[in-house]
Amino acid sequence: MWTVLRLLGFSGVHRDAQASHSAKQYHGLRNQGSTCYLNTVLQCLYMTKDFRTAVQSFKQDPQDSNQGNAGLLLQLQNLFGELNKVNATTEGITESLSINNVYEQQDAVEYYQRILKQIVPQVSQVFEGKLSNNSKCPDGHIYQEKCPFITIPLAIDTGHDKIYNVKEGLEAFFQPSQLDEDNWLYCDQCDQKTETETWNEIEEFPTVLTLHLKRFDFDYMQMRHVKNHCPMEIPPTLQLKDYEYDLYAVVNHSGDRNGGHYNAAIKSFEDNQWYCFDDSSVTKYSVDALQKSRLAYLLMYRQTAPSRRNFTLQKLLKSTALRRMTSALHNRFIIAGVTAIRRMTSALHNRFIIAGVTALRRMTSALHNRFIIAGVTAIRRMTSALHNRFIIAGVVTTCLVTVMWRMFRLRFPKS
C-alpha cells in the first residue's frame, strides 16, 4: 500500500533527489520552555492553505463586536508573516491565550480547539462541521441534538501492543450503541426513563476533518491517567459518505501525560512534500515513518473531492451552506412561482367575472330596453287601435242617431 502512496505523492523527500531541489524552505518556532504543544498546533494551522489565507486577509473592524479575539488573530497574522521569512517566536500568541507559565506542558488538542474557538467563525470555519447526536427509546421516539464540532474523538479500546485501526475506530464512532441502565435518558413522550440507543451522524462535513486519538485514559487501578502506546494503522485517505479526505498532518506525542514532547509531520500544499516541524527545526520527512506509528495523537485530513458517483452535483454544491442556500432559493422560487400563478389566476378569474358581469349587465340592459320599447310600441299600437275603434264607434253611433231621428220625424210629423 505504501508503494502506491509513494506514487500518489506521499513518499518522503529523502528518496527523491530531484524533489529536493524544488523543496520549499520552511521555518520553525522557538520553544519558550515547554511550548512544543503550541508550536506544533501553530505549524499545523499555518500549513492549512485555507486557514493561512483567511488569517492573512483578516482586517480588524473596531465597529464589529463579533470578531472574537481580534488580538489573537492579529498575532497569528504577524506570526504567519514572520514564518514566511525566518524562525519566529510565539510570545504574542502565549500572551493572547493568557498562557502564564511557558514551562508547563499542556495538551496540544486542547489548544488546537481553544485557538479555533476564540477567533471569528469566518476564519476558523474550514475546521468546523456539525454533528447530530441522536437517541431513541424502544417505542421509536427519536431525540436529536445538533452541535458544531472541530475534532472527532476516537476511543482506543485495544491493548498496548495491538494495532489500532483508525478507519475502524472512526466507523465505530458512528455505530449505534445501547446505554447502561444508569445512563438511560428521559423520554418526554413516554414520560419516563427508558432503554436508550444512541448514535452520531455528521450533518455538515468540514473541509478539514480532525481526528483526536485518545491515547490518554484514566486507570482506576492506578488512579491516574495512563497513555496507550499502541501502534496505529493510519489510512492515507478516508471516505465519508460522498466526501473523500486525504491525510496531510499528524501531531505526534512522545512521553506520557506528565511530560513529553510534541512535533508535527505535515504534507505541504505548496510542493506536496512531507516535513517534520519540531520547534525550531524543520526537516524532510518520510511518510514511511507513519507505518504502525506509536506517536500519532492528532490526524488532520483535507477534503479533496466528492465521490465519483456524485461528482458533478457535489462539485456544484460543495459546501453544506451552499446546498442549504440553493434549497432555500429553490423553495423561494417555487413559492414565488406558485404565488405568481395564484395572482395571475386570481386576476384572470376576476377579469372573467368582471367581463361576465359586464356582459350580463349589457345583455340585461339591452333586453330591458327591448322590453320597454316593445311594451311602449304595443301600448301605442293598442292605444291607437282603441282610439280608432272609439272614433269609428262614435261615427257609427252618430250616423245611427241621425237616421233614427229622421225616421222619427217622418213618422211623427209636427201637428
Protein backbone atom coordinates (compact mmCIF):
# COMPACT_ATOMS: atom_id res chain seq x y z
CA MET A 1 0.00 0.00 0.00
CA TRP A 2 2.80 2.41 0.84
CA THR A 3 4.29 1.80 -2.62
CA VAL A 4 1.05 3.10 -4.09
CA LEU A 5 1.18 6.05 -1.71
CA ARG A 6 4.63 6.99 -2.92
CA LEU A 7 3.25 7.07 -6.46
CA LEU A 8 0.47 9.37 -5.22
CA GLY A 9 2.89 11.84 -3.65
CA PHE A 10 3.15 10.56 -0.07
CA SER A 11 6.76 9.44 -0.37
CA GLY A 12 9.50 11.03 1.70
CA VAL A 13 11.78 13.56 0.09
CA HIS A 14 14.82 11.60 1.23
CA ARG A 15 14.21 9.17 -1.64
CA ASP A 16 13.62 11.72 -4.32
CA ALA A 17 16.79 13.52 -5.33
CA GLN A 18 15.04 15.67 -7.91
CA ALA A 19 12.37 16.85 -5.48
CA SER A 20 15.00 18.11 -3.06
CA HIS A 21 15.96 20.85 -5.50
CA SER A 22 12.36 22.14 -5.68
CA ALA A 23 11.50 21.67 -1.99
CA LYS A 24 10.29 24.82 -0.27
CA GLN A 25 12.18 26.27 2.66
CA TYR A 26 10.05 26.35 5.83
CA HIS A 27 10.90 27.93 9.17
CA GLY A 28 10.42 26.80 12.73
CA LEU A 29 9.14 28.24 16.02
CA ARG A 30 11.36 28.81 19.03
CA ASN A 31 10.40 26.92 22.17
CA GLN A 32 9.87 29.27 25.13
CA GLY A 33 10.32 26.47 27.64
CA SER A 34 7.73 23.73 27.21
CA THR A 35 5.65 25.25 24.44
CA CYS A 36 6.24 22.47 21.90
CA TYR A 37 2.48 21.71 22.09
CA LEU A 38 1.69 25.25 20.95
CA ASN A 39 4.40 25.31 18.25
CA THR A 40 3.07 22.06 16.80
CA VAL A 41 -0.52 23.31 16.63
CA LEU A 42 0.51 26.63 15.09
CA GLN A 43 2.53 24.91 12.37
CA CYS A 44 -0.45 22.70 11.50
CA LEU A 45 -2.66 25.77 11.21
CA TYR A 46 -0.04 27.63 9.18
CA MET A 47 0.26 24.71 6.77
CA THR A 48 -3.50 24.63 6.16
CA LYS A 49 -3.94 26.67 2.99
CA ASP A 50 -7.50 27.98 3.51
CA PHE A 51 -6.77 28.97 7.10
CA ARG A 52 -3.50 30.73 6.25
CA THR A 53 -5.23 32.70 3.50
CA ALA A 54 -8.11 33.67 5.82
CA VAL A 55 -5.71 34.84 8.56
CA GLN A 56 -3.54 36.85 6.18
CA SER A 57 -6.57 38.59 4.64
CA PHE A 58 -8.17 39.42 8.02
CA LYS A 59 -8.80 43.11 8.69
CA GLN A 60 -9.86 44.35 12.08
CA ASP A 61 -13.06 46.40 12.26
CA PRO A 62 -13.34 48.38 15.51
CA GLN A 63 -17.09 48.72 14.93
CA ASP A 64 -17.63 44.95 14.67
CA SER A 65 -18.29 43.34 18.06
CA ASN A 66 -18.38 39.81 16.58
CA GLN A 67 -14.70 39.50 15.75
CA GLY A 68 -13.91 37.25 18.72
CA ASN A 69 -10.36 37.52 19.99
CA ALA A 70 -9.16 40.01 17.38
CA GLY A 71 -5.87 40.37 19.26
CA LEU A 72 -5.17 36.65 18.79
CA LEU A 73 -5.98 36.88 15.08
CA LEU A 74 -3.61 39.82 14.65
CA GLN A 75 -0.89 37.88 16.46
CA LEU A 76 -1.48 34.92 14.15
CA GLN A 77 -1.28 37.27 11.20
CA ASN A 78 2.06 38.64 12.40
CA LEU A 79 3.37 35.14 13.16
CA PHE A 80 2.44 33.79 9.72
CA GLY A 81 4.16 36.78 8.14
CA GLU A 82 7.36 36.01 10.08
CA LEU A 83 7.23 32.30 9.24
CA ASN A 84 7.45 33.20 5.58
CA LYS A 85 10.92 34.63 6.22
CA VAL A 86 12.61 33.40 9.41
CA ASN A 87 12.24 31.26 12.52
CA ALA A 88 9.63 33.02 14.62
CA THR A 89 8.70 33.33 18.28
CA THR A 90 5.29 32.82 19.90
CA GLU A 91 5.38 35.40 22.75
CA GLY A 92 2.46 37.32 21.24
CA ILE A 93 0.39 34.14 20.93
CA THR A 94 1.03 32.98 24.50
CA GLU A 95 0.06 36.44 25.76
CA SER A 96 -3.16 36.47 23.73
CA LEU A 97 -4.04 32.98 25.05
CA SER A 98 -3.20 34.02 28.64
CA ILE A 99 -0.54 31.32 28.98
CA ASN A 100 1.33 32.47 32.07
CA ASN A 101 3.63 29.50 32.65
CA VAL A 102 5.50 28.58 29.47
CA TYR A 103 7.41 25.85 31.32
CA GLU A 104 4.27 23.81 31.98
CA GLN A 105 3.38 21.14 29.43
CA GLN A 106 -0.15 21.41 28.01
CA ASP A 107 -2.30 19.26 25.74
CA ALA A 108 -1.95 20.05 22.02
CA VAL A 109 -5.55 19.06 21.18
CA GLU A 110 -6.89 21.34 23.91
CA TYR A 111 -5.04 24.34 22.48
CA TYR A 112 -5.91 23.40 18.92
CA GLN A 113 -9.59 23.70 19.85
CA ARG A 114 -9.04 26.72 22.05
CA ILE A 115 -7.39 28.77 19.31
CA LEU A 116 -10.06 27.93 16.73
CA LYS A 117 -12.91 28.71 19.13
CA GLN A 118 -11.53 32.11 20.09
CA ILE A 119 -11.22 33.51 16.58
CA VAL A 120 -14.04 34.58 14.28
CA PRO A 121 -16.03 31.80 12.58
CA GLN A 122 -15.29 33.26 9.15
CA VAL A 123 -11.63 32.36 9.67
CA SER A 124 -11.98 29.04 11.50
CA GLN A 125 -14.96 27.65 9.56
CA VAL A 126 -12.70 25.45 7.43
CA PHE A 127 -12.21 23.21 10.51
CA GLU A 128 -15.79 23.20 11.73
CA GLY A 129 -18.53 20.71 10.96
CA LYS A 130 -21.89 19.91 12.51
CA LEU A 131 -22.64 16.69 14.37
CA SER A 132 -26.04 15.24 15.21
CA ASN A 133 -26.28 13.30 18.48
CA ASN A 134 -29.31 11.02 18.27
CA SER A 135 -31.08 8.95 20.91
CA LYS A 136 -34.06 6.60 20.54
CA CYS A 137 -36.32 4.85 23.06
CA PRO A 138 -37.84 1.35 22.47
CA ASP A 139 -41.06 2.98 21.20
CA GLY A 140 -39.14 4.66 18.41
CA HIS A 141 -39.22 8.23 19.76
CA ILE A 142 -36.09 9.95 18.46
CA TYR A 143 -34.43 12.94 20.08
CA GLN A 144 -31.86 14.82 18.03
CA GLU A 145 -29.33 17.37 19.23
CA LYS A 146 -27.12 19.18 16.73
CA CYS A 147 -23.85 20.76 17.74
CA PRO A 148 -20.74 22.07 15.96
CA PHE A 149 -17.50 20.14 16.22
CA ILE A 150 -13.82 20.74 15.48
CA THR A 151 -12.41 17.32 16.35
CA ILE A 152 -13.87 13.82 16.45
CA PRO A 153 -12.58 11.90 19.49
CA LEU A 154 -11.75 8.25 18.84
CA ALA A 155 -11.57 5.99 21.88
CA ILE A 156 -8.73 3.49 21.78
CA ASP A 157 -10.02 0.20 23.13
CA THR A 158 -7.12 -2.02 22.12
CA GLY A 159 -4.12 -3.29 24.09
CA HIS A 160 -0.77 -1.50 24.22
CA ASP A 161 0.83 -4.00 21.83
CA LYS A 162 -2.08 -4.49 19.46
CA ILE A 163 -2.58 -2.43 16.32
CA TYR A 164 -5.37 0.13 16.42
CA ASN A 165 -7.06 0.67 13.04
CA VAL A 166 -8.09 4.32 12.72
CA LYS A 167 -10.61 3.64 9.95
CA GLU A 168 -12.39 1.02 12.02
CA GLY A 169 -12.31 3.30 15.06
CA LEU A 170 -13.98 6.07 13.03
CA GLU A 171 -16.65 3.66 11.80
CA ALA A 172 -17.26 2.55 15.41
CA PHE A 173 -17.79 6.19 16.40
CA PHE A 174 -20.88 6.30 14.16
CA GLN A 175 -22.25 2.88 15.15
CA PRO A 176 -25.39 2.75 17.38
CA SER A 177 -24.82 1.71 20.99
CA GLN A 178 -27.04 0.86 23.97
CA LEU A 179 -26.64 2.91 27.15
CA ASP A 180 -26.30 1.20 30.52
CA GLU A 181 -29.37 1.39 32.74
CA ASP A 182 -27.71 4.00 34.94
CA ASN A 183 -27.35 6.23 31.89
CA TRP A 184 -30.82 5.78 30.39
CA LEU A 185 -32.30 9.02 29.10
CA TYR A 186 -35.69 10.53 29.87
CA CYS A 187 -38.20 10.31 27.03
CA ASP A 188 -40.68 13.20 27.05
CA GLN A 189 -43.28 11.26 25.07
CA CYS A 190 -43.00 8.14 27.24
CA ASP A 191 -42.78 10.36 30.35
CA GLN A 192 -40.11 8.17 31.94
CA LYS A 193 -36.54 6.98 31.67
CA THR A 194 -36.27 4.19 29.10
CA GLU A 195 -33.75 1.98 27.41
CA THR A 196 -31.76 4.24 25.12
CA GLU A 197 -29.99 3.67 21.84
CA THR A 198 -27.59 6.42 20.75
CA TRP A 199 -25.62 7.15 17.60
CA ASN A 200 -23.83 10.01 15.88
CA GLU A 201 -24.17 11.43 12.37
CA ILE A 202 -22.31 14.21 10.58
CA GLU A 203 -24.83 16.78 9.36
CA GLU A 204 -22.28 19.16 7.82
CA PHE A 205 -18.89 17.90 6.68
CA PRO A 206 -15.90 20.15 7.39
CA THR A 207 -13.25 20.99 4.84
CA VAL A 208 -10.62 19.77 7.30
CA LEU A 209 -11.54 16.66 9.28
CA THR A 210 -9.58 16.33 12.54
CA LEU A 211 -9.40 13.05 14.45
CA HIS A 212 -8.30 13.04 18.09
CA LEU A 213 -6.73 9.70 19.00
CA LYS A 214 -7.48 9.45 22.72
CA ARG A 215 -4.32 7.75 23.88
CA PHE A 216 -4.75 9.01 27.45
CA ASP A 217 -7.28 7.23 29.62
CA PHE A 218 -7.88 7.16 33.36
CA ASP A 219 -6.77 3.93 35.02
CA TYR A 220 -8.89 3.31 38.12
CA MET A 221 -6.47 0.66 39.36
CA GLN A 222 -3.57 3.10 39.35
CA MET A 223 -5.84 6.14 39.93
CA ARG A 224 -4.04 8.16 37.28
CA HIS A 225 -4.07 8.84 33.55
CA VAL A 226 -2.19 6.26 31.51
CA LYS A 227 -1.08 6.60 27.91
CA ASN A 228 -1.73 3.85 25.39
CA HIS A 229 1.38 3.49 23.20
CA CYS A 230 -0.23 1.04 20.76
CA PRO A 231 0.80 1.21 17.09
CA MET A 232 -1.66 2.85 14.69
CA GLU A 233 -2.85 1.80 11.27
CA ILE A 234 -3.34 5.25 9.72
CA PRO A 235 -5.23 5.36 6.41
CA PRO A 236 -3.88 7.90 3.89
CA THR A 237 -7.43 8.53 2.66
CA LEU A 238 -10.88 8.38 4.23
CA GLN A 239 -14.28 8.07 2.57
CA LEU A 240 -17.22 9.52 4.49
CA LYS A 241 -20.45 9.22 2.52
CA ASP A 242 -19.89 11.32 -0.61
CA TYR A 243 -16.73 13.02 0.69
CA GLU A 244 -13.13 11.95 0.31
CA TYR A 245 -10.35 13.15 2.61
CA ASP A 246 -6.56 12.97 2.28
CA LEU A 247 -4.20 12.89 5.23
CA TYR A 248 -1.95 15.96 5.36
CA ALA A 249 -0.88 16.45 9.00
CA VAL A 250 -0.08 14.27 12.02
CA VAL A 251 0.61 15.60 15.51
CA ASN A 252 2.99 13.26 17.31
CA HIS A 253 3.48 12.95 21.06
CA SER A 254 6.26 11.07 22.81
CA GLY A 255 6.36 10.53 26.57
CA ASP A 256 3.42 10.41 28.97
CA ARG A 257 0.82 12.76 30.43
CA ASN A 258 3.15 14.39 32.93
CA GLY A 259 5.87 15.13 30.44
CA GLY A 260 6.83 14.55 26.84
CA HIS A 261 7.34 16.26 23.53
CA TYR A 262 5.24 17.23 20.52
CA ASN A 263 6.14 17.61 16.86
CA ALA A 264 4.21 17.50 13.60
CA ALA A 265 4.58 15.71 10.28
CA ILE A 266 2.91 17.82 7.60
CA LYS A 267 2.47 17.48 3.86
CA SER A 268 2.97 20.84 2.16
CA PHE A 269 0.22 22.05 -0.15
CA GLU A 270 2.89 24.06 -1.96
CA ASP A 271 5.23 21.26 -3.08
CA ASN A 272 3.41 18.08 -1.94
CA GLN A 273 6.40 17.04 0.17
CA TRP A 274 6.34 15.90 3.80
CA TYR A 275 8.19 17.84 6.52
CA CYS A 276 8.78 17.35 10.23
CA PHE A 277 8.17 20.53 12.23
CA ASP A 278 9.96 20.16 15.57
CA ASP A 279 10.13 23.56 17.29
CA SER A 280 12.94 25.50 15.53
CA SER A 281 13.88 22.53 13.34
CA VAL A 282 12.17 21.78 10.02
CA THR A 283 13.45 18.73 8.16
CA LYS A 284 12.39 16.46 5.32
CA TYR A 285 10.14 13.62 6.43
CA SER A 286 9.48 10.15 5.09
CA VAL A 287 5.85 9.07 5.08
CA ASP A 288 7.07 5.53 5.81
CA ALA A 289 7.50 6.68 9.42
CA LEU A 290 3.72 6.74 9.76
CA GLN A 291 3.54 2.97 9.40
CA LYS A 292 2.41 1.49 12.71
CA SER A 293 3.13 4.80 14.45
CA ARG A 294 3.15 4.72 18.25
CA LEU A 295 3.34 8.53 18.44
CA ALA A 296 0.35 9.72 16.38
CA TYR A 297 -2.02 11.76 18.55
CA LEU A 298 -3.97 14.01 16.16
CA LEU A 299 -4.75 13.38 12.49
CA MET A 300 -5.80 16.08 10.03
CA TYR A 301 -7.47 15.21 6.71
CA ARG A 302 -8.20 17.67 3.93
CA GLN A 303 -11.32 17.26 1.81
CA THR A 304 -10.31 16.59 -1.77
CA ALA A 305 -13.37 15.84 -3.91
CA PRO A 306 -16.78 14.20 -3.71
CA SER A 307 -17.07 10.56 -4.76
CA ARG A 308 -17.32 9.90 -8.49
CA ARG A 309 -20.97 8.86 -8.39
CA ASN A 310 -21.99 12.35 -7.33
CA PHE A 311 -19.00 14.29 -8.64
CA THR A 312 -20.87 16.76 -10.85
CA LEU A 313 -23.54 17.53 -8.28
CA GLN A 314 -21.11 17.77 -5.38
CA LYS A 315 -18.79 19.99 -7.38
CA LEU A 316 -21.62 22.46 -7.86
CA LEU A 317 -22.86 22.06 -4.29
CA LYS A 318 -19.54 21.66 -2.49
CA SER A 319 -20.48 23.08 0.86
CA THR A 320 -23.50 22.39 3.04
CA ALA A 321 -24.16 26.09 3.33
CA LEU A 322 -24.39 26.34 -0.44
CA ARG A 323 -26.73 23.36 -0.56
CA ARG A 324 -28.98 24.97 2.03
CA MET A 325 -28.89 28.29 0.24
CA THR A 326 -29.72 26.54 -3.05
CA SER A 327 -32.56 24.69 -1.35
CA ALA A 328 -33.83 27.93 0.16
CA LEU A 329 -33.65 29.68 -3.21
CA HIS A 330 -35.36 26.69 -4.83
CA ASN A 331 -38.17 26.88 -2.27
CA ARG A 332 -38.42 30.62 -2.72
CA PHE A 333 -38.66 30.24 -6.49
CA ILE A 334 -41.36 27.61 -6.07
CA ILE A 335 -43.27 29.80 -3.60
CA ALA A 336 -42.79 32.84 -5.83
CA GLY A 337 -43.94 30.81 -8.85
CA VAL A 338 -46.97 29.46 -7.04
CA THR A 339 -47.79 32.93 -5.73
CA ALA A 340 -47.42 34.41 -9.20
CA ILE A 341 -49.66 31.69 -10.68
CA ARG A 342 -52.23 32.27 -7.94
CA ARG A 343 -52.17 36.00 -8.52
CA MET A 344 -52.39 35.56 -12.26
CA THR A 345 -55.20 33.03 -11.88
CA SER A 346 -56.95 35.33 -9.43
CA ALA A 347 -56.50 38.25 -11.81
CA LEU A 348 -57.82 36.22 -14.74
CA HIS A 349 -60.65 34.93 -12.58
CA ASN A 350 -61.54 38.47 -11.55
CA ARG A 351 -61.29 39.66 -15.12
CA PHE A 352 -63.54 36.84 -16.31
CA ILE A 353 -66.03 37.65 -13.53
CA ILE A 354 -65.93 41.36 -14.33
CA ALA A 355 -66.24 40.65 -18.06
CA GLY A 356 -69.08 38.24 -17.39
CA VAL A 357 -70.90 40.66 -15.12
CA THR A 358 -70.39 43.47 -17.61
CA ALA A 359 -71.68 41.31 -20.46
CA LEU A 360 -74.62 40.21 -18.34
CA ARG A 361 -75.38 43.81 -17.42
CA ARG A 362 -75.18 44.84 -21.03
CA MET A 363 -77.38 41.97 -22.13
CA THR A 364 -79.84 42.66 -19.32
CA SER A 365 -79.86 46.33 -20.22
CA ALA A 366 -80.38 45.51 -23.89
CA LEU A 367 -83.19 43.09 -23.04
CA HIS A 368 -84.65 45.64 -20.66
CA ASN A 369 -84.56 48.31 -23.33
CA ARG A 370 -86.05 45.95 -25.84
CA PHE A 371 -88.84 45.01 -23.48
CA ILE A 372 -89.56 48.67 -22.77
CA ILE A 373 -89.55 49.56 -26.46
CA ALA A 374 -91.71 46.55 -27.28
CA GLY A 375 -94.04 47.42 -24.41
CA VAL A 376 -94.33 51.04 -25.46
CA THR A 377 -94.86 50.03 -29.07
CA ALA A 378 -97.53 47.53 -28.05
CA ILE A 379 -99.25 50.11 -25.87
CA ARG A 380 -99.06 52.63 -28.62
CA ARG A 381 -100.48 50.18 -31.09
CA MET A 382 -103.17 49.11 -28.66
CA THR A 383 -103.99 52.71 -27.81
CA SER A 384 -104.08 53.63 -31.46
CA ALA A 385 -106.33 50.65 -32.20
CA LEU A 386 -108.69 51.54 -29.36
CA HIS A 387 -108.64 55.15 -30.39
CA ASN A 388 -109.56 54.22 -33.93
CA ARG A 389 -112.28 51.89 -32.67
CA PHE A 390 -113.73 54.62 -30.47
CA ILE A 391 -113.75 57.06 -33.37
CA ILE A 392 -115.42 54.54 -35.67
CA ALA A 393 -117.91 53.64 -32.96
CA GLY A 394 -118.67 57.35 -32.42
CA VAL A 395 -119.19 57.97 -36.12
CA VAL A 396 -121.39 54.91 -36.44
CA THR A 397 -123.35 55.95 -33.35
CA THR A 398 -123.81 59.49 -34.72
CA CYS A 399 -124.98 58.17 -38.04
CA LEU A 400 -127.47 55.82 -36.38
CA VAL A 401 -128.79 58.58 -34.17
CA THR A 402 -129.24 60.86 -37.17
CA VAL A 403 -131.05 58.17 -39.19
CA MET A 404 -133.30 57.28 -36.28
CA TRP A 405 -134.09 60.94 -35.66
CA ARG A 406 -135.09 61.41 -39.30
CA MET A 407 -137.27 58.30 -39.26
CA PHE A 408 -138.91 59.56 -36.09
CA ARG A 409 -139.73 62.91 -37.72
CA LEU A 410 -141.17 61.22 -40.70
CA ARG A 411 -143.37 59.02 -38.56
CA PHE A 412 -144.49 61.68 -36.26
CA PRO A 413 -144.62 65.00 -38.18
CA LYS A 414 -145.34 68.18 -36.32
CA SER A 415 -149.02 68.91 -35.74
